[in-house]
Every structure is written in structure tokens, then in C-alpha cells.
Amino acid sequence: SPTFTNDSYPLFVTWKIGNKKSLRGCIGTFTSLSLHKGIKEYALTSAMNDSRFNPVAKHEISQLSVSVSLLVGFEDGTDYLDWTVGVHGIKIEFSYGRSTKTATFLPDVAKEQGWTKEDTVEALLKKAGVRGPMNQALKDSIKLIRYRSEKVEMDFEEYLTRRKNVPELLNGSYVPLSNGHSSSSKYSNGYRQ
């Protein structure tokens, strides 16, 4: 069985590919899951079932890197701009037409893309399905939740190196996570990043 903590966290697993680290899959949940179960479930789900991509193919494996983001420090924002680029991930919720829409970006997305807060919120509105104008009234209607993440990453070369040194890797039961924090969250549901 895995040798790291089995505390419960909301989490996302992100796969990237190639030297440019292009997104290859990212799915997670705002529901706290035990790490042993959650990492296994979302590593497979994000690699094989992210609807934006075909399932990861065998020939891609040596080009992949993976990160696990544990979501912590959830806070309600006072408005849609009440967060810090590079520090917070954000989840937005708003009414659009006859439905409630939600979308999220992890803390590193806006910084990696070179986006401002406004750019990020507009990208999230598009991600959530807004196709019309993004006027101030729509932005002001957003309920924003900000959060931080504790992230670990590993590329294929590092995996091979660790596999030689950690017997648990031979049976696929080891993931290099260790921290003493625990988290529960009122924020739930599965999301694509």
C-alpha cells in the first residue's frame, strides 16, 4: 500500500506532454477524497477521460509529466477580482440563461498564460459556456471562491529514477506526496481544469 499520508483533500491531477509542457489532461474534484483513492482515480481519469483530448497513448508515456495539486485554504471572495494571480486558484459560479454555470482554474494557470485577473475571469466565463458579451453586470454577478494548492510534479525521467530506488514503484503504489495538512471542503463536484 502507498507510503504517503492518506489524509483527505480536494485535488486535481494534471498531465502535460513534451518539452513545451502542453496540457494533455487535467481533471479533479472539490470534494475531499482520501489521497490513496483520489490520486489513483483522478490520475487515470485525467489521462484517459478528459473530453478535450484523446486518451493518453502508450507512445506518449515517455513524454509525460504529472502534477498533483492538493487544494487548500478555501475562501469566499468579496467580488470577482478578490484574488491574487500566481497565488490563488479560483472557482466561479454565476447564472447564465436558465442555468447556473461554474468553472475553475488552478493557481498556476493565470501566471503560466500571462493573464491579468480580468483576462482570467473572461477565460473562465468562456470555459463555462458564455458565448455572448461579457459585460460588467455579468462579472459583478459572479460568486468567487479562491483557494491555494500544494503541488508536486514528476516527469517520466524522474519516475524511472525513483522506480529504481523505491520498491513500491515496481507495483505502481507509490506517489511522492507527503504533508501533514488535512482539509475538508464545502466546495464539491468534479471539474476539468
Protein backbone atom coordinates (compact mmCIF):
# COMPACT_ATOMS: atom_id res chain seq x y z
CA SER A 1 0.00 0.00 0.00
CA PRO A 2 1.19 3.60 -0.56
CA THR A 3 3.73 5.04 1.86
CA PHE A 4 2.38 8.62 1.94
CA THR A 5 -0.39 10.11 4.07
CA ASN A 6 -3.98 9.13 3.37
CA ASP A 7 -5.48 12.42 4.58
CA SER A 8 -8.42 13.74 2.59
CA TYR A 9 -8.16 16.69 0.20
CA PRO A 10 -9.87 18.16 -2.81
CA LEU A 11 -7.36 17.52 -5.62
CA PHE A 12 -6.56 17.83 -9.31
CA VAL A 13 -4.23 15.69 -11.42
CA THR A 14 -2.65 17.40 -14.44
CA TRP A 15 -0.81 15.70 -17.28
CA LYS A 16 1.49 17.69 -19.58
CA ILE A 17 3.41 16.49 -22.61
CA GLY A 18 6.62 17.39 -24.44
CA ASN A 19 9.33 19.96 -23.87
CA LYS A 20 6.78 22.78 -24.01
CA LYS A 21 4.72 21.07 -21.30
CA SER A 22 1.48 21.35 -23.27
CA LEU A 23 -1.66 20.41 -21.37
CA ARG A 24 -2.60 16.76 -22.00
CA GLY A 25 -5.32 16.31 -19.39
CA CYS A 26 -6.49 17.80 -16.12
CA ILE A 27 -9.43 16.70 -14.01
CA GLY A 28 -10.08 16.95 -10.31
CA THR A 29 -12.64 17.38 -7.62
CA PHE A 30 -13.58 19.90 -4.94
CA THR A 31 -14.80 17.01 -2.80
CA SER A 32 -12.24 15.86 -0.23
CA LEU A 33 -11.05 12.34 -1.03
CA SER A 34 -8.51 10.15 0.72
CA LEU A 35 -5.25 10.61 -1.17
CA HIS A 36 -4.71 6.91 -1.86
CA LYS A 37 -8.08 6.66 -3.60
CA GLY A 38 -8.22 10.18 -5.06
CA ILE A 39 -4.82 10.19 -6.72
CA LYS A 40 -5.36 6.78 -8.28
CA GLU A 41 -8.84 7.69 -9.52
CA TYR A 42 -8.01 11.13 -10.91
CA ALA A 43 -4.63 10.14 -12.39
CA LEU A 44 -6.49 7.63 -14.56
CA THR A 45 -9.50 9.86 -15.21
CA SER A 46 -7.42 12.85 -16.29
CA ALA A 47 -5.19 10.71 -18.53
CA MET A 48 -7.96 8.72 -20.16
CA ASN A 49 -11.24 10.66 -19.87
CA ASP A 50 -10.58 14.38 -20.29
CA SER A 51 -13.07 15.15 -23.06
CA ARG A 52 -10.76 17.77 -24.59
CA PHE A 53 -8.20 15.09 -25.53
CA ASN A 54 -7.93 11.53 -26.80
CA PRO A 55 -6.89 9.04 -24.12
CA VAL A 56 -3.13 9.01 -23.46
CA ALA A 57 -1.48 6.54 -25.83
CA LYS A 58 1.37 4.20 -24.97
CA HIS A 59 3.81 6.04 -27.26
CA GLU A 60 3.20 9.29 -25.31
CA ILE A 61 4.13 7.96 -21.86
CA SER A 62 7.85 8.80 -22.03
CA GLN A 63 6.97 12.42 -22.90
CA LEU A 64 4.57 12.96 -19.99
CA SER A 65 4.89 14.79 -16.73
CA VAL A 66 2.27 14.69 -14.00
CA SER A 67 1.38 17.00 -11.14
CA VAL A 68 -0.96 16.54 -8.22
CA SER A 69 -2.45 19.70 -6.72
CA LEU A 70 -3.99 19.45 -3.26
CA LEU A 71 -6.48 22.28 -2.82
CA VAL A 72 -6.36 24.15 0.50
CA GLY A 73 -7.31 27.47 2.07
CA PHE A 74 -10.75 27.97 0.53
CA GLU A 75 -12.18 31.48 1.00
CA ASP A 76 -15.17 33.33 -0.42
CA GLY A 77 -14.09 36.34 -2.46
CA THR A 78 -15.77 39.71 -1.98
CA ASP A 79 -16.00 40.13 -5.78
CA TYR A 80 -14.64 38.58 -8.98
CA LEU A 81 -11.28 40.36 -8.61
CA ASP A 82 -10.66 39.39 -4.95
CA TRP A 83 -7.72 37.05 -5.58
CA THR A 84 -4.02 37.16 -6.47
CA VAL A 85 -2.53 35.88 -9.76
CA GLY A 86 0.04 33.16 -9.07
CA VAL A 87 -1.21 32.60 -5.50
CA HIS A 88 -4.88 31.65 -5.77
CA GLY A 89 -6.87 29.32 -7.91
CA ILE A 90 -10.41 30.49 -8.48
CA LYS A 91 -13.77 28.85 -8.89
CA ILE A 92 -16.55 31.00 -10.26
CA GLU A 93 -20.30 30.41 -10.15
CA PHE A 94 -22.92 32.54 -11.91
CA SER A 95 -26.36 32.38 -13.52
CA TYR A 96 -26.44 32.31 -17.29
CA GLY A 97 -29.70 31.87 -19.12
CA ARG A 98 -31.71 29.39 -17.12
CA SER A 99 -28.81 27.57 -15.52
CA THR A 100 -26.03 28.01 -13.00
CA LYS A 101 -22.56 27.76 -14.51
CA THR A 102 -19.25 27.03 -12.79
CA ALA A 103 -15.61 26.88 -13.88
CA THR A 104 -12.20 26.81 -12.22
CA PHE A 105 -8.53 27.43 -12.89
CA LEU A 106 -5.77 26.16 -10.60
CA PRO A 107 -3.40 28.75 -9.08
CA ASP A 108 -0.66 28.42 -11.71
CA VAL A 109 -2.87 28.77 -14.82
CA ALA A 110 -3.21 32.58 -14.97
CA LYS A 111 0.50 33.10 -14.33
CA GLU A 112 1.53 30.47 -16.92
CA GLN A 113 -0.75 32.09 -19.51
CA GLY A 114 0.41 35.63 -18.71
CA TRP A 115 -3.16 36.66 -17.92
CA THR A 116 -4.40 39.54 -15.80
CA LYS A 117 -7.27 38.98 -13.35
CA GLU A 118 -9.72 40.30 -15.98
CA ASP A 119 -8.26 38.01 -18.68
CA THR A 120 -8.55 35.03 -16.34
CA VAL A 121 -12.16 35.70 -15.40
CA GLU A 122 -13.10 36.18 -19.07
CA ALA A 123 -11.37 32.88 -19.94
CA LEU A 124 -13.33 31.17 -17.15
CA LEU A 125 -16.60 32.66 -18.40
CA LYS A 126 -15.86 31.26 -21.87
CA LYS A 127 -14.87 27.91 -20.34
CA ALA A 128 -18.21 27.84 -18.51
CA GLY A 129 -20.08 28.38 -21.76
CA VAL A 130 -20.63 32.14 -22.10
CA ARG A 131 -20.76 32.92 -25.81
CA GLY A 132 -22.19 36.43 -25.74
CA PRO A 133 -20.93 39.71 -24.35
CA MET A 134 -19.12 39.64 -21.02
CA ASN A 135 -20.48 42.84 -19.60
CA GLN A 136 -19.85 44.29 -16.17
CA ALA A 137 -23.24 43.13 -14.86
CA LEU A 138 -22.34 39.51 -15.65
CA LYS A 139 -18.93 39.87 -13.99
CA ASP A 140 -20.48 41.53 -10.93
CA SER A 141 -22.90 38.57 -10.57
CA ILE A 142 -20.03 36.10 -10.12
CA LYS A 143 -19.65 34.29 -6.82
CA LEU A 144 -15.91 33.69 -6.48
CA ILE A 145 -14.16 31.16 -4.28
CA ARG A 146 -10.38 31.43 -4.07
CA TYR A 147 -8.03 28.69 -2.93
CA ARG A 148 -4.37 27.74 -2.88
CA SER A 149 -2.75 24.47 -3.81
CA GLU A 150 0.13 22.36 -2.65
CA LYS A 151 1.59 20.83 -5.78
CA VAL A 152 4.08 18.08 -6.55
CA GLU A 153 5.32 17.21 -10.02
CA MET A 154 7.20 14.37 -11.62
CA ASP A 155 8.35 13.78 -15.19
CA PHE A 156 8.97 10.38 -16.75
CA GLU A 157 12.75 10.52 -16.21
CA GLU A 158 12.26 11.19 -12.51
CA TYR A 159 9.74 8.35 -12.35
CA LEU A 160 12.30 5.95 -13.85
CA THR A 161 14.98 7.12 -11.40
CA ARG A 162 12.67 6.73 -8.41
CA ARG A 163 11.43 3.38 -9.68
CA LYS A 164 14.97 2.03 -9.35
CA ASN A 165 15.26 3.36 -5.80
CA VAL A 166 11.76 2.81 -4.36
CA PRO A 167 10.43 -0.77 -4.45
CA GLU A 168 6.81 0.43 -4.18
CA LEU A 169 7.13 1.94 -7.66
CA LEU A 170 7.55 -1.51 -9.12
CA ASN A 171 3.93 -2.30 -8.31
CA GLY A 172 2.69 1.24 -9.00
CA SER A 173 1.64 2.01 -5.43
CA TYR A 174 3.98 4.93 -4.67
CA VAL A 175 3.30 8.61 -5.33
CA PRO A 176 5.77 11.16 -3.89
CA LEU A 177 3.43 13.15 -1.66
CA SER A 178 3.96 13.90 1.97
CA ASN A 179 2.43 16.64 4.05
CA GLY A 180 0.74 16.87 7.37
CA HIS A 181 -2.16 19.07 6.38
CA SER A 182 -5.73 17.92 6.24
CA SER A 183 -8.60 19.66 4.61
CA SER A 184 -12.31 19.36 4.28
CA SER A 185 -14.33 21.43 1.92
CA LYS A 186 -17.86 22.61 1.42
CA TYR A 187 -16.94 23.05 -2.24
CA SER A 188 -17.68 19.93 -4.25
CA ASN A 189 -18.08 18.41 -7.74
CA GLY A 190 -15.61 17.16 -10.35
CA TYR A 191 -14.08 19.70 -12.73
CA ARG A 192 -11.84 19.85 -15.72
CA GLN A 193 -9.07 22.38 -15.25
